[in-house]
PDB file of N, CA and C in Angstrom:
ATOM      1  N   MET A   1      40.480   3.083  29.311  1.00  0.00           N
ATOM      2  CA  MET A   1      40.270   1.528  29.430  1.00  0.00           C
ATOM      3  C   MET A   1      38.823   1.329  29.116  1.00  0.00           C
ATOM      4  N   ASN A   2      38.452   0.360  28.084  1.00  0.00           N
ATOM      5  CA  ASN A   2      37.119  -0.220  28.116  1.00  0.00           C
ATOM      6  C   ASN A   2      37.274  -1.163  28.268  1.00  0.00           C
ATOM      7  N   LYS A   3      36.122  -2.061  28.292  1.00  0.00           N
ATOM      8  CA  LYS A   3      35.984  -3.844  28.812  1.00  0.00           C
ATOM      9  C   LYS A   3      36.805  -4.288  28.260  1.00  0.00           C
ATOM     10  N   ALA A   4      36.958  -4.305  26.827  1.00  0.00           N
ATOM     11  CA  ALA A   4      37.912  -5.131  25.814  1.00  0.00           C
ATOM     12  C   ALA A   4      39.408  -4.998  26.056  1.00  0.00           C
ATOM     13  N   GLU A   5      39.706  -3.759  26.449  1.00  0.00           N
ATOM     14  CA  GLU A   5      41.164  -3.765  26.722  1.00  0.00           C
ATOM     15  C   GLU A   5      41.383  -4.124  28.215  1.00  0.00           C
ATOM     16  N   LEU A   6      40.731  -3.806  28.975  1.00  0.00           N
ATOM     17  CA  LEU A   6      40.486  -4.793  30.347  1.00  0.00           C
ATOM     18  C   LEU A   6      40.692  -5.991  30.115  1.00  0.00           C
ATOM     19  N   ILE A   7      39.772  -6.474  29.520  1.00  0.00           N
ATOM     20  CA  ILE A   7      40.098  -8.134  29.373  1.00  0.00           C
ATOM     21  C   ILE A   7      41.624  -8.666  28.751  1.00  0.00           C
ATOM     22  N   ALA A   8      41.731  -7.659  27.652  1.00  0.00           N
ATOM     23  CA  ALA A   8      43.111  -8.097  27.174  1.00  0.00           C
ATOM     24  C   ALA A   8      44.245  -7.969  28.314  1.00  0.00           C
ATOM     25  N   SER A   9      44.304  -7.021  28.923  1.00  0.00           N
ATOM     26  CA  SER A   9      45.286  -6.805  29.781  1.00  0.00           C
ATOM     27  C   SER A   9      45.274  -7.790  31.316  1.00  0.00           C
ATOM     28  N   MET A  10      44.345  -7.974  31.722  1.00  0.00           N
ATOM     29  CA  MET A  10      43.541  -9.055  32.651  1.00  0.00           C
ATOM     30  C   MET A  10      44.351 -10.870  32.001  1.00  0.00           C
ATOM     31  N   ALA A  11      44.157 -11.335  30.660  1.00  0.00           N
ATOM     32  CA  ALA A  11      44.458 -12.271  30.307  1.00  0.00           C
ATOM     33  C   ALA A  11      45.987 -12.382  30.199  1.00  0.00           C
ATOM     34  N   GLU A  12      46.571 -11.029  29.772  1.00  0.00           N
ATOM     35  CA  GLU A  12      48.329 -11.109  29.816  1.00  0.00           C
ATOM     36  C   GLU A  12      48.524 -11.197  30.813  1.00  0.00           C
ATOM     37  N   LYS A  13      48.051 -10.560  31.891  1.00  0.00           N
ATOM     38  CA  LYS A  13      48.677 -10.653  33.332  1.00  0.00           C
ATOM     39  C   LYS A  13      48.652 -12.307  34.159  1.00  0.00           C
ATOM     40  N   SER A  14      47.076 -12.702  34.033  1.00  0.00           N
ATOM     41  CA  SER A  14      46.743 -13.876  34.565  1.00  0.00           C
ATOM     42  C   SER A  14      47.266 -15.282  33.652  1.00  0.00           C
ATOM     43  N   GLN A  15      47.654 -14.952  32.214  1.00  0.00           N
ATOM     44  CA  GLN A  15      47.905 -15.981  31.397  1.00  0.00           C
ATOM     45  C   GLN A  15      46.987 -16.801  31.034  1.00  0.00           C
ATOM     46  N   LEU A  16      45.541 -16.538  30.927  1.00  0.00           N
ATOM     47  CA  LEU A  16      44.518 -17.250  30.696  1.00  0.00           C
ATOM     48  C   LEU A  16      44.418 -16.652  29.487  1.00  0.00           C
ATOM     49  N   THR A  17      43.594 -17.302  28.707  1.00  0.00           N
ATOM     50  CA  THR A  17      42.961 -16.937  27.327  1.00  0.00           C
ATOM     51  C   THR A  17      41.776 -15.402  27.373  1.00  0.00           C
ATOM     52  N   LYS A  18      41.541 -15.062  26.461  1.00  0.00           N
ATOM     53  CA  LYS A  18      40.634 -13.730  26.686  1.00  0.00           C
ATOM     54  C   LYS A  18      39.246 -14.378  26.877  1.00  0.00           C
ATOM     55  N   LYS A  19      38.791 -15.469  26.035  1.00  0.00           N
ATOM     56  CA  LYS A  19      37.638 -16.163  26.423  1.00  0.00           C
ATOM     57  C   LYS A  19      37.727 -16.327  27.828  1.00  0.00           C
ATOM     58  N   GLU A  20      38.461 -17.369  28.503  1.00  0.00           N
ATOM     59  CA  GLU A  20      38.671 -17.544  30.020  1.00  0.00           C
ATOM     60  C   GLU A  20      38.143 -16.149  30.706  1.00  0.00           C
ATOM     61  N   THR A  21      39.025 -15.139  30.470  1.00  0.00           N
ATOM     62  CA  THR A  21      39.228 -13.734  31.181  1.00  0.00           C
ATOM     63  C   THR A  21      37.786 -12.885  31.236  1.00  0.00           C
ATOM     64  N   GLU A  22      37.049 -13.451  29.988  1.00  0.00           N
ATOM     65  CA  GLU A  22      36.084 -12.494  29.896  1.00  0.00           C
ATOM     66  C   GLU A  22      34.941 -13.282  30.270  1.00  0.00           C
ATOM     67  N   VAL A  23      34.957 -14.558  30.835  1.00  0.00           N
ATOM     68  CA  VAL A  23      33.865 -15.312  31.534  1.00  0.00           C
ATOM     69  C   VAL A  23      34.058 -14.668  33.127  1.00  0.00           C
ATOM     70  N   ALA A  24      35.268 -14.948  33.708  1.00  0.00           N
ATOM     71  CA  ALA A  24      35.841 -14.391  35.165  1.00  0.00           C
ATOM     72  C   ALA A  24      35.010 -12.943  35.056  1.00  0.00           C
ATOM     73  N   LEU A  25      35.535 -11.975  34.797  1.00  0.00           N
ATOM     74  CA  LEU A  25      35.156 -10.472  34.700  1.00  0.00           C
ATOM     75  C   LEU A  25      33.301 -10.355  34.550  1.00  0.00           C
ATOM     76  N   LYS A  26      33.022 -11.427  33.659  1.00  0.00           N
ATOM     77  CA  LYS A  26      31.510 -11.279  33.681  1.00  0.00           C
ATOM     78  C   LYS A  26      30.971 -11.892  34.783  1.00  0.00           C
ATOM     79  N   SER A  27      31.462 -13.114  35.067  1.00  0.00           N
ATOM     80  CA  SER A  27      30.982 -13.753  36.980  1.00  0.00           C
ATOM     81  C   SER A  27      31.324 -12.663  38.054  1.00  0.00           C
ATOM     82  N   PHE A  28      32.305 -11.929  37.761  1.00  0.00           N
ATOM     83  CA  PHE A  28      32.610 -10.936  39.192  1.00  0.00           C
ATOM     84  C   PHE A  28      31.498  -9.937  38.960  1.00  0.00           C
ATOM     85  N   ILE A  29      31.490  -9.279  37.984  1.00  0.00           N
ATOM     86  CA  ILE A  29      30.115  -8.445  37.911  1.00  0.00           C
ATOM     87  C   ILE A  29      28.931  -8.851  38.385  1.00  0.00           C
ATOM     88  N   GLU A  30      28.275  -9.979  37.979  1.00  0.00           N
ATOM     89  CA  GLU A  30      27.184 -10.312  38.297  1.00  0.00           C
ATOM     90  C   GLU A  30      27.169 -10.983  39.300  1.00  0.00           C
ATOM     91  N   SER A  31      28.160 -11.027  40.536  1.00  0.00           N
ATOM     92  CA  SER A  31      28.159 -11.407  41.585  1.00  0.00           C
ATOM     93  C   SER A  31      28.411  -9.977  42.670  1.00  0.00           C
ATOM     94  N   VAL A  32      28.699  -9.626  42.207  1.00  0.00           N
ATOM     95  CA  VAL A  32      28.668  -7.999  42.701  1.00  0.00           C
ATOM     96  C   VAL A  32      27.146  -7.256  42.528  1.00  0.00           C
ATOM     97  N   GLU A  33      26.865  -7.601  41.555  1.00  0.00           N
ATOM     98  CA  GLU A  33      25.205  -7.180  41.401  1.00  0.00           C
ATOM     99  C   GLU A  33      24.292  -7.790  42.011  1.00  0.00           C
ATOM    100  N   GLU A  34      24.352  -9.148  41.877  1.00  0.00           N
ATOM    101  CA  GLU A  34      23.710  -9.797  42.566  1.00  0.00           C
ATOM    102  C   GLU A  34      23.492  -9.460  44.231  1.00  0.00           C
ATOM    103  N   ALA A  35      24.770  -9.367  44.896  1.00  0.00           N
ATOM    104  CA  ALA A  35      25.054  -9.047  46.325  1.00  0.00           C
ATOM    105  C   ALA A  35      24.435  -7.661  46.405  1.00  0.00           C
ATOM    106  N   LEU A  36      24.597  -6.754  45.756  1.00  0.00           N
ATOM    107  CA  LEU A  36      23.958  -5.499  45.864  1.00  0.00           C
ATOM    108  C   LEU A  36      22.519  -5.591  45.979  1.00  0.00           C
ATOM    109  N   GLU A  37      22.249  -6.296  44.921  1.00  0.00           N
ATOM    110  CA  GLU A  37      20.604  -6.454  44.968  1.00  0.00           C
ATOM    111  C   GLU A  37      19.952  -6.744  46.174  1.00  0.00           C
ATOM    112  N   THR A  38      20.681  -7.677  46.900  1.00  0.00           N
ATOM    113  CA  THR A  38      19.910  -8.476  48.132  1.00  0.00           C
ATOM    114  C   THR A  38      20.262  -7.324  49.260  1.00  0.00           C
ATOM    115  N   GLY A  39      21.172  -6.617  49.098  1.00  0.00           N
ATOM    116  CA  GLY A  39      21.724  -5.570  50.152  1.00  0.00           C
ATOM    117  C   GLY A  39      22.813  -5.760  51.127  1.00  0.00           C
ATOM    118  N   ASP A  40      23.436  -6.628  50.226  1.00  0.00           N
ATOM    119  CA  ASP A  40      25.043  -6.802  51.047  1.00  0.00           C
ATOM    120  C   ASP A  40      25.959  -6.185  50.230  1.00  0.00           C
ATOM    121  N   LYS A  41      27.038  -6.023  50.948  1.00  0.00           N
ATOM    122  CA  LYS A  41      28.140  -5.408  50.126  1.00  0.00           C
ATOM    123  C   LYS A  41      29.350  -6.115  49.891  1.00  0.00           C
ATOM    124  N   VAL A  42      30.228  -6.058  48.874  1.00  0.00           N
ATOM    125  CA  VAL A  42      31.217  -6.683  48.544  1.00  0.00           C
ATOM    126  C   VAL A  42      32.685  -5.681  49.124  1.00  0.00           C
ATOM    127  N   GLN A  43      33.222  -6.523  49.902  1.00  0.00           N
ATOM    128  CA  GLN A  43      34.523  -5.570  50.398  1.00  0.00           C
ATOM    129  C   GLN A  43      35.707  -6.622  50.234  1.00  0.00           C
ATOM    130  N   LEU A  44      36.576  -5.599  49.040  1.00  0.00           N
ATOM    131  CA  LEU A  44      37.873  -6.253  48.639  1.00  0.00           C
ATOM    132  C   LEU A  44      38.752  -5.380  49.152  1.00  0.00           C
ATOM    133  N   ILE A  45      39.571  -5.822  50.553  1.00  0.00           N
ATOM    134  CA  ILE A  45      40.648  -5.091  51.132  1.00  0.00           C
ATOM    135  C   ILE A  45      41.649  -5.206  50.356  1.00  0.00           C
ATOM    136  N   GLY A  46      42.019  -3.594  50.360  1.00  0.00           N
ATOM    137  CA  GLY A  46      43.047  -2.926  49.865  1.00  0.00           C
ATOM    138  C   GLY A  46      42.448  -1.985  48.610  1.00  0.00           C
ATOM    139  N   PHE A  47      41.448  -2.678  47.766  1.00  0.00           N
ATOM    140  CA  PHE A  47      40.838  -2.339  46.765  1.00  0.00           C
ATOM    141  C   PHE A  47      39.335  -1.007  47.115  1.00  0.00           C
ATOM    142  N   GLY A  48      38.822  -2.036  47.768  1.00  0.00           N
ATOM    143  CA  GLY A  48      37.435  -1.127  48.248  1.00  0.00           C
ATOM    144  C   GLY A  48      36.500  -1.842  48.249  1.00  0.00           C
ATOM    145  N   THR A  49      35.325  -1.026  48.319  1.00  0.00           N
ATOM    146  CA  THR A  49      34.031  -1.281  48.875  1.00  0.00           C
ATOM    147  C   THR A  49      32.793  -1.043  48.022  1.00  0.00           C
ATOM    148  N   PHE A  50      32.052  -2.100  47.433  1.00  0.00           N
ATOM    149  CA  PHE A  50      31.202  -1.733  46.725  1.00  0.00           C
ATOM    150  C   PHE A  50      29.529  -2.031  47.654  1.00  0.00           C
ATOM    151  N   GLU A  51      28.743  -0.926  47.709  1.00  0.00           N
ATOM    152  CA  GLU A  51      27.537  -1.191  48.689  1.00  0.00           C
ATOM    153  C   GLU A  51      26.654  -0.317  47.987  1.00  0.00           C
ATOM    154  N   THR A  52      25.255  -0.172  48.798  1.00  0.00           N
ATOM    155  CA  THR A  52      24.231   0.409  48.153  1.00  0.00           C
ATOM    156  C   THR A  52      23.820   1.557  49.320  1.00  0.00           C
ATOM    157  N   ARG A  53      23.306   2.499  48.973  1.00  0.00           N
ATOM    158  CA  ARG A  53      23.070   3.501  49.998  1.00  0.00           C
ATOM    159  C   ARG A  53      21.600   4.045  49.327  1.00  0.00           C
ATOM    160  N   ALA A  54      20.884   4.519  50.614  1.00  0.00           N
ATOM    161  CA  ALA A  54      19.288   4.784  50.368  1.00  0.00           C
ATOM    162  C   ALA A  54      19.558   6.714  50.277  1.00  0.00           C
ATOM    163  N   ARG A  55      18.587   6.748  48.986  1.00  0.00           N
ATOM    164  CA  ARG A  55      18.821   8.292  48.614  1.00  0.00           C
ATOM    165  C   ARG A  55      17.286   8.535  48.914  1.00  0.00           C
ATOM    166  N   ALA A  56      17.157   9.958  49.651  1.00  0.00           N
ATOM    167  CA  ALA A  56      15.610  10.486  50.083  1.00  0.00           C
ATOM    168  C   ALA A  56      15.049  10.932  49.255  1.00  0.00           C
ATOM    169  N   GLU A  57      13.743  10.989  49.152  1.00  0.00           N
ATOM    170  CA  GLU A  57      13.111  11.857  48.153  1.00  0.00           C
ATOM    171  C   GLU A  57      13.413  13.131  48.272  1.00  0.00           C
ATOM    172  N   ARG A  58      13.365  14.050  47.517  1.00  0.00           N
ATOM    173  CA  ARG A  58      14.262  15.341  47.287  1.00  0.00           C
ATOM    174  C   ARG A  58      13.453  15.734  46.267  1.00  0.00           C
ATOM    175  N   LYS A  59      12.961  17.464  46.477  1.00  0.00           N
ATOM    176  CA  LYS A  59      12.837  18.691  45.620  1.00  0.00           C
ATOM    177  C   LYS A  59      13.796  18.943  44.628  1.00  0.00           C
ATOM    178  N   GLY A  60      13.382  19.005  43.244  1.00  0.00           N
ATOM    179  CA  GLY A  60      14.516  19.572  42.262  1.00  0.00           C
ATOM    180  C   GLY A  60      13.723  20.446  41.267  1.00  0.00           C
ATOM    181  N   ARG A  61      14.221  20.778  40.509  1.00  0.00           N
ATOM    182  CA  ARG A  61      13.768  21.362  39.336  1.00  0.00           C
ATOM    183  C   ARG A  61      14.066  21.390  37.841  1.00  0.00           C
ATOM    184  N   ASN A  62      12.951  21.563  37.071  1.00  0.00           N
ATOM    185  CA  ASN A  62      12.870  21.068  35.771  1.00  0.00           C
ATOM    186  C   ASN A  62      13.642  22.327  35.167  1.00  0.00           C
ATOM    187  N   PRO A  63      14.834  22.055  34.405  1.00  0.00           N
ATOM    188  CA  PRO A  63      15.912  23.636  34.022  1.00  0.00           C
ATOM    189  C   PRO A  63      15.169  24.339  33.038  1.00  0.00           C
ATOM    190  N   ARG A  64      14.219  23.277  32.225  1.00  0.00           N
ATOM    191  CA  ARG A  64      13.685  24.225  30.864  1.00  0.00           C
ATOM    192  C   ARG A  64      12.764  24.914  31.426  1.00  0.00           C
ATOM    193  N   THR A  65      11.600  24.424  31.944  1.00  0.00           N
ATOM    194  CA  THR A  65      10.451  25.290  32.703  1.00  0.00           C
ATOM    195  C   THR A  65      10.623  25.643  34.170  1.00  0.00           C
ATOM    196  N   LYS A  66      11.708  25.118  35.067  1.00  0.00           N
ATOM    197  CA  LYS A  66      11.718  26.083  35.777  1.00  0.00           C
ATOM    198  C   LYS A  66      11.223  25.798  37.087  1.00  0.00           C
ATOM    199  N   GLU A  67      10.464  24.712  36.478  1.00  0.00           N
ATOM    200  CA  GLU A  67       8.851  24.078  37.194  1.00  0.00           C
ATOM    201  C   GLU A  67       9.815  23.242  38.334  1.00  0.00           C
ATOM    202  N   GLU A  68       8.962  23.075  39.918  1.00  0.00           N
ATOM    203  CA  GLU A  68       9.591  22.394  40.828  1.00  0.00           C
ATOM    204  C   GLU A  68       9.026  20.898  40.476  1.00  0.00           C
ATOM    205  N   ILE A  69       9.801  19.633  40.787  1.00  0.00           N
ATOM    206  CA  ILE A  69       9.297  18.609  40.732  1.00  0.00           C
ATOM    207  C   ILE A  69       9.886  17.714  42.222  1.00  0.00           C
ATOM    208  N   THR A  70       9.432  16.630  42.260  1.00  0.00           N
ATOM    209  CA  THR A  70       9.351  15.445  43.112  1.00  0.00           C
ATOM    210  C   THR A  70      10.462  14.749  42.474  1.00  0.00           C
ATOM    211  N   ILE A  71      11.506  14.597  43.010  1.00  0.00           N
ATOM    212  CA  ILE A  71      12.599  13.272  42.628  1.00  0.00           C
ATOM    213  C   ILE A  71      12.521  12.435  43.572  1.00  0.00           C
ATOM    214  N   PRO A  72      11.847  11.405  43.376  1.00  0.00           N
ATOM    215  CA  PRO A  72      11.567  10.123  44.081  1.00  0.00           C
ATOM    216  C   PRO A  72      12.710   9.485  44.887  1.00  0.00           C
ATOM    217  N   ALA A  73      12.687   8.633  45.803  1.00  0.00           N
ATOM    218  CA  ALA A  73      13.478   7.786  47.048  1.00  0.00           C
ATOM    219  C   ALA A  73      13.930   6.978  45.935  1.00  0.00           C
ATOM    220  N   SER A  74      15.371   6.535  46.052  1.00  0.00           N
ATOM    221  CA  SER A  74      15.998   5.602  45.254  1.00  0.00           C
ATOM    222  C   SER A  74      17.081   5.224  46.243  1.00  0.00           C
ATOM    223  N   THR A  75      17.756   3.867  45.804  1.00  0.00           N
ATOM    224  CA  THR A  75      18.931   3.159  46.174  1.00  0.00           C
ATOM    225  C   THR A  75      19.762   3.225  45.101  1.00  0.00           C
ATOM    226  N   VAL A  76      20.709   3.608  45.321  1.00  0.00           N
ATOM    227  CA  VAL A  76      22.159   3.796  44.536  1.00  0.00           C
ATOM    228  C   VAL A  76      23.010   3.000  44.695  1.00  0.00           C
ATOM    229  N   PRO A  77      24.161   2.517  43.576  1.00  0.00           N
ATOM    230  CA  PRO A  77      25.268   1.848  44.383  1.00  0.00           C
ATOM    231  C   PRO A  77      26.094   2.890  44.023  1.00  0.00           C
ATOM    232  N   VAL A  78      27.228   2.183  45.239  1.00  0.00           N
ATOM    233  CA  VAL A  78      28.528   3.049  45.525  1.00  0.00           C
ATOM    234  C   VAL A  78      29.479   2.342  45.494  1.00  0.00           C
ATOM    235  N   PHE A  79      30.680   3.164  45.029  1.00  0.00           N
ATOM    236  CA  PHE A  79      32.141   2.435  45.321  1.00  0.00           C
ATOM    237  C   PHE A  79      32.876   3.231  45.906  1.00  0.00           C
ATOM    238  N   LYS A  80      33.272   2.603  47.273  1.00  0.00           N
ATOM    239  CA  LYS A  80      34.538   3.563  47.943  1.00  0.00           C
ATOM    240  C   LYS A  80      35.747   2.607  47.849  1.00  0.00           C
ATOM    241  N   ALA A  81      36.701   3.607  47.810  1.00  0.00           N
ATOM    242  CA  ALA A  81      37.996   3.178  47.268  1.00  0.00           C
ATOM    243  C   ALA A  81      38.981   2.935  48.665  1.00  0.00           C
ATOM    244  N   GLY A  82      39.550   1.696  48.835  1.00  0.00           N
ATOM    245  CA  GLY A  82      40.042   1.227  49.963  1.00  0.00           C
ATOM    246  C   GLY A  82      41.763   2.463  49.701  1.00  0.00           C
ATOM    247  N   LYS A  83      42.311   2.066  51.001  1.00  0.00           N
ATOM    248  CA  LYS A  83      43.149   2.673  51.447  1.00  0.00           C
ATOM    249  C   LYS A  83      44.455   2.610  50.577  1.00  0.00           C
ATOM    250  N   GLU A  84      44.804   0.983  50.129  1.00  0.00           N
ATOM    251  CA  GLU A  84      45.962   0.835  49.016  1.00  0.00           C
ATOM    252  C   GLU A  84      45.663   1.180  47.878  1.00  0.00           C
ATOM    253  N   PHE A  85      44.538   1.392  47.053  1.00  0.00           N
ATOM    254  CA  PHE A  85      44.152   1.609  45.956  1.00  0.00           C
ATOM    255  C   PHE A  85      44.367   3.151  45.952  1.00  0.00           C
ATOM    256  N   LYS A  86      43.961   4.006  46.654  1.00  0.00           N
ATOM    257  CA  LYS A  86      43.963   5.450  46.982  1.00  0.00           C
ATOM    258  C   LYS A  86      45.359   5.947  46.571  1.00  0.00           C
ATOM    259  N   GLU A  87      46.071   5.141  47.542  1.00  0.00           N
ATOM    260  CA  GLU A  87      47.846   5.611  47.625  1.00  0.00           C
ATOM    261  C   GLU A  87      48.517   5.271  46.378  1.00  0.00           C
ATOM    262  N   ARG A  88      48.064   4.066  45.870  1.00  0.00           N
ATOM    263  CA  ARG A  88      48.755   4.005  44.458  1.00  0.00           C
ATOM    264  C   ARG A  88      48.341   4.866  43.106  1.00  0.00           C
ATOM    265  N   VAL A  89      46.871   5.141  43.654  1.00  0.00           N
ATOM    266  CA  VAL A  89      46.173   6.293  42.277  1.00  0.00           C
ATOM    267  C   VAL A  89      47.165   7.608  42.443  1.00  0.00           C
ATOM    268  N   ASN A  90      47.418   8.124  43.676  1.00  0.00           N
ATOM    269  CA  ASN A  90      47.984   9.154  44.036  1.00  0.00           C
ATOM    270  C   ASN A  90      49.540   9.466  44.427  1.00  0.00           C
ATOM    271  N   LYS A  91      50.143   8.684  43.526  1.00  0.00           N
ATOM    272  CA  LYS A  91      51.729   8.187  43.949  1.00  0.00           C
ATOM    273  C   LYS A  91      52.232   9.712  43.168  1.00  0.00           C
TER     274      LYS A  91
END
């Protein structure tokens, strides 16, 4: 399912227009991004949690040259599915 298909499905279920649904989806995404930027986590009970994790600096290898490189530390976004969501997917 791509973004347009998601918007169409959400619009049908919520009885909103596609335009209103698109605005709502964009607002949700922006809100999650802003929360993660500030270090907060977004917890939706039954669905899952969006949060960030620190990834330490580590050694890697360039596959072409086999030369060892240093991969810098970074912060990565993570989604952890909630119990009800996992159960529904595994039916």
